[in-house]
Amino acid sequence: MAFESKNLSVLAYSNGFTLWHYATTDLATDVDTSGYFNTAADMLRTGDMIMANVDTDGTPGAGIFLVSSSTGATVDLADITAMGGTNTD
């Protein structure tokens, strides 16, 4: 799949930092591929964080991505820091 701008929203903004939310059916390894967010490069800044729900149509996962670089044309995210754990019940 590809980045869908309708699924990216601002949760909080302060002092040049933005906390985003993004939901997608894509896997986390696809989302953190350099260039995935290039069409949003004018909005995302280095140091922003994206809380994400990934693989929403498969085995859902959640976590936080750090925007490790954004040049205004190219965006690269660090690997997801996963949230949650194993449900043993």
Protein backbone atom coordinates (compact mmCIF):
# COMPACT_ATOMS: atom_id res chain seq x y z
CA MET A 1 0.00 0.00 0.00
CA ALA A 2 1.00 3.62 0.19
CA PHE A 3 0.73 6.58 2.52
CA GLU A 4 -2.82 7.93 2.80
CA SER A 5 -2.95 11.55 3.95
CA LYS A 6 -6.52 11.16 5.22
CA ASN A 7 -5.19 8.80 7.92
CA LEU A 8 -2.62 11.27 9.33
CA SER A 9 -3.84 13.71 11.97
CA VAL A 10 -2.35 16.10 14.51
CA LEU A 11 -2.79 15.16 18.16
CA ALA A 12 -0.74 18.01 19.69
CA TYR A 13 1.53 20.83 18.61
CA SER A 14 3.87 22.95 20.73
CA ASN A 15 7.19 24.75 20.34
CA GLY A 16 7.83 23.44 16.82
CA PHE A 17 7.05 19.82 17.76
CA THR A 18 4.05 17.89 16.46
CA LEU A 19 2.62 14.64 17.80
CA TRP A 20 0.76 12.84 15.03
CA HIS A 21 -1.51 9.83 14.74
CA TYR A 22 -1.52 7.54 11.71
CA ALA A 23 -3.58 4.41 11.04
CA THR A 24 -2.89 2.02 8.19
CA THR A 25 -3.30 -1.52 6.95
CA ASP A 26 0.43 -1.43 6.07
CA LEU A 27 3.02 -3.24 8.18
CA ALA A 28 5.31 -1.19 10.42
CA THR A 29 8.29 -2.24 8.28
CA ASP A 30 6.61 -0.64 5.26
CA VAL A 31 5.69 2.55 7.11
CA ASP A 32 9.25 3.16 8.32
CA THR A 33 10.70 2.77 4.83
CA SER A 34 12.44 5.96 3.73
CA GLY A 35 10.13 7.87 1.41
CA TYR A 36 6.82 6.43 2.65
CA PHE A 37 5.75 9.85 4.00
CA ASN A 38 7.36 11.97 1.23
CA THR A 39 4.02 13.46 0.17
CA ALA A 40 3.69 14.83 3.73
CA ALA A 41 7.25 16.18 3.81
CA ASP A 42 6.00 19.76 3.99
CA MET A 43 4.28 18.96 7.33
CA LEU A 44 6.57 16.46 9.08
CA ARG A 45 9.71 17.75 10.81
CA THR A 46 12.75 15.99 12.20
CA GLY A 47 11.98 15.12 15.82
CA ASP A 48 8.20 14.85 15.37
CA MET A 49 6.61 11.64 16.64
CA ILE A 50 3.88 9.56 15.03
CA MET A 51 1.70 7.34 17.19
CA ALA A 52 0.57 4.61 14.82
CA ASN A 53 -1.84 1.75 14.46
CA VAL A 54 -0.41 -0.60 11.84
CA ASP A 55 -1.60 -3.72 10.04
CA THR A 56 -5.16 -2.86 11.05
CA ASP A 57 -6.59 -5.50 8.72
CA GLY A 58 -4.29 -8.31 9.87
CA THR A 59 -2.45 -8.65 13.16
CA PRO A 60 -2.85 -5.14 14.55
CA GLY A 61 0.09 -3.43 16.17
CA ALA A 62 0.69 -0.04 17.73
CA GLY A 63 3.68 2.07 18.56
CA ILE A 64 5.55 5.29 18.06
CA PHE A 65 7.72 6.29 15.11
CA LEU A 66 10.30 9.08 15.39
CA VAL A 67 10.79 11.25 12.32
CA SER A 68 14.57 10.79 12.11
CA SER A 69 14.96 13.15 9.15
CA SER A 70 12.80 15.38 7.03
CA THR A 71 14.41 17.53 4.38
CA GLY A 72 11.21 19.08 3.07
CA ALA A 73 11.23 16.56 0.22
CA THR A 74 12.26 13.25 1.79
CA VAL A 75 11.04 11.81 5.10
CA ASP A 76 12.64 8.92 6.97
CA LEU A 77 11.31 7.35 10.16
CA ALA A 78 13.16 5.34 12.78
CA ASP A 79 11.86 1.81 13.38
CA ILE A 80 8.68 1.61 15.42
CA THR A 81 8.88 1.46 19.20
CA ALA A 82 6.13 -1.06 19.87
CA MET A 83 3.47 -0.51 22.51
CA GLY A 84 1.50 -3.17 24.30
CA GLY A 85 2.46 -6.74 24.85
CA THR A 86 1.30 -10.29 24.48
CA ASN A 87 -2.25 -11.12 25.50
CA THR A 88 -1.98 -14.44 27.35
CA ASP A 89 -5.69 -14.77 28.17
